[in-house]
Amino acid sequence: MILNRQYRVTFSYRTLQNILNDLVDLADLFRVDTANDVTV
């Protein structure tokens, strides 16, 4: 049971990391888009 709980916490943490990485990627894309708009 403790092992299962530990696994769930680890899984949640990794999922949170993936979501944060996706948000960072989206932010980079948005930054590039706005930079292009400003340049054009």
N, C-alpha and C. Protein backbone atom coordinates (compact mmCIF):
# COMPACT_ATOMS: atom_id res chain seq x y z
N MET A 1 0.83 -1.20 0.00
CA MET A 1 0.00 0.00 0.00
C MET A 1 0.88 1.26 0.00
N ILE A 2 1.88 1.27 0.84
CA ILE A 2 2.79 2.43 0.87
C ILE A 2 3.49 2.55 -0.49
N LEU A 3 3.87 1.41 -1.05
CA LEU A 3 4.54 1.41 -2.35
C LEU A 3 3.60 1.99 -3.40
N ASN A 4 2.33 1.57 -3.34
CA ASN A 4 1.35 2.06 -4.31
C ASN A 4 1.17 3.57 -4.18
N ARG A 5 1.09 4.04 -2.95
CA ARG A 5 0.92 5.48 -2.73
C ARG A 5 2.14 6.24 -3.25
N GLN A 6 3.33 5.70 -2.97
CA GLN A 6 4.55 6.34 -3.43
C GLN A 6 4.56 6.41 -4.96
N TYR A 7 4.11 5.33 -5.60
CA TYR A 7 4.07 5.30 -7.06
C TYR A 7 3.11 6.36 -7.58
N ARG A 8 1.97 6.49 -6.92
CA ARG A 8 0.98 7.49 -7.35
C ARG A 8 1.56 8.89 -7.25
N VAL A 9 2.26 9.17 -6.15
CA VAL A 9 2.86 10.50 -5.97
C VAL A 9 3.90 10.75 -7.06
N THR A 10 4.72 9.74 -7.33
CA THR A 10 5.75 9.89 -8.36
C THR A 10 5.10 10.12 -9.72
N PHE A 11 4.04 9.37 -10.01
CA PHE A 11 3.34 9.51 -11.29
C PHE A 11 2.74 10.90 -11.41
N SER A 12 2.12 11.38 -10.34
CA SER A 12 1.52 12.71 -10.37
C SER A 12 2.61 13.76 -10.59
N TYR A 13 3.75 13.60 -9.92
CA TYR A 13 4.84 14.56 -10.06
C TYR A 13 5.35 14.58 -11.49
N ARG A 14 5.52 13.40 -12.09
CA ARG A 14 6.01 13.34 -13.47
C ARG A 14 4.99 13.94 -14.41
N THR A 15 3.71 13.69 -14.17
CA THR A 15 2.67 14.27 -15.02
C THR A 15 2.70 15.79 -14.90
N LEU A 16 2.88 16.29 -13.68
CA LEU A 16 2.95 17.73 -13.47
C LEU A 16 4.15 18.31 -14.22
N GLN A 17 5.28 17.60 -14.18
CA GLN A 17 6.47 18.06 -14.89
C GLN A 17 6.19 18.14 -16.39
N ASN A 18 5.51 17.11 -16.92
CA ASN A 18 5.21 17.10 -18.35
C ASN A 18 4.31 18.27 -18.72
N ILE A 19 3.32 18.55 -17.88
CA ILE A 19 2.41 19.67 -18.14
C ILE A 19 3.19 20.98 -18.11
N LEU A 20 4.09 21.12 -17.15
CA LEU A 20 4.89 22.35 -17.07
C LEU A 20 5.76 22.49 -18.31
N ASN A 21 6.35 21.37 -18.77
CA ASN A 21 7.17 21.42 -19.97
C ASN A 21 6.34 21.85 -21.17
N ASP A 22 5.11 21.32 -21.28
CA ASP A 22 4.23 21.70 -22.38
C ASP A 22 3.92 23.19 -22.31
N LEU A 23 3.66 23.70 -21.11
CA LEU A 23 3.36 25.13 -20.96
C LEU A 23 4.57 25.97 -21.37
N VAL A 24 5.76 25.52 -21.02
CA VAL A 24 6.98 26.25 -21.39
C VAL A 24 7.12 26.26 -22.91
N ASP A 25 6.85 25.11 -23.55
CA ASP A 25 6.93 25.04 -25.01
C ASP A 25 5.92 25.99 -25.63
N LEU A 26 4.70 26.01 -25.11
CA LEU A 26 3.67 26.91 -25.64
C LEU A 26 4.09 28.36 -25.45
N ALA A 27 4.67 28.67 -24.30
CA ALA A 27 5.12 30.04 -24.04
C ALA A 27 6.20 30.43 -25.04
N ASP A 28 7.13 29.51 -25.33
CA ASP A 28 8.18 29.80 -26.31
C ASP A 28 7.58 30.04 -27.68
N LEU A 29 6.61 29.21 -28.08
CA LEU A 29 5.96 29.39 -29.38
C LEU A 29 5.26 30.75 -29.43
N PHE A 30 4.55 31.08 -28.36
CA PHE A 30 3.84 32.36 -28.31
C PHE A 30 4.83 33.52 -28.39
N ARG A 31 5.95 33.38 -27.70
CA ARG A 31 6.96 34.44 -27.71
C ARG A 31 7.50 34.62 -29.13
N VAL A 32 7.76 33.50 -29.81
CA VAL A 32 8.26 33.56 -31.18
C VAL A 32 7.22 34.21 -32.09
N ASP A 33 5.94 33.83 -31.91
CA ASP A 33 4.88 34.40 -32.75
C ASP A 33 4.78 35.91 -32.54
N THR A 34 4.81 36.36 -31.31
CA THR A 34 4.70 37.79 -31.05
C THR A 34 5.93 38.51 -31.59
N ALA A 35 7.09 37.89 -31.47
CA ALA A 35 8.31 38.51 -31.99
C ALA A 35 8.20 38.66 -33.51
N ASN A 36 7.67 37.64 -34.18
CA ASN A 36 7.49 37.73 -35.62
C ASN A 36 6.49 38.82 -35.98
N ASP A 37 5.41 38.91 -35.22
CA ASP A 37 4.40 39.94 -35.49
C ASP A 37 5.03 41.32 -35.33
N VAL A 38 5.81 41.49 -34.29
CA VAL A 38 6.44 42.80 -34.05
C VAL A 38 7.42 43.10 -35.18
N THR A 39 8.17 42.09 -35.62
CA THR A 39 9.14 42.29 -36.69
C THR A 39 8.42 42.67 -37.98
N VAL A 40 7.32 41.95 -38.28
CA VAL A 40 6.57 42.23 -39.51
C VAL A 40 5.70 43.47 -39.27
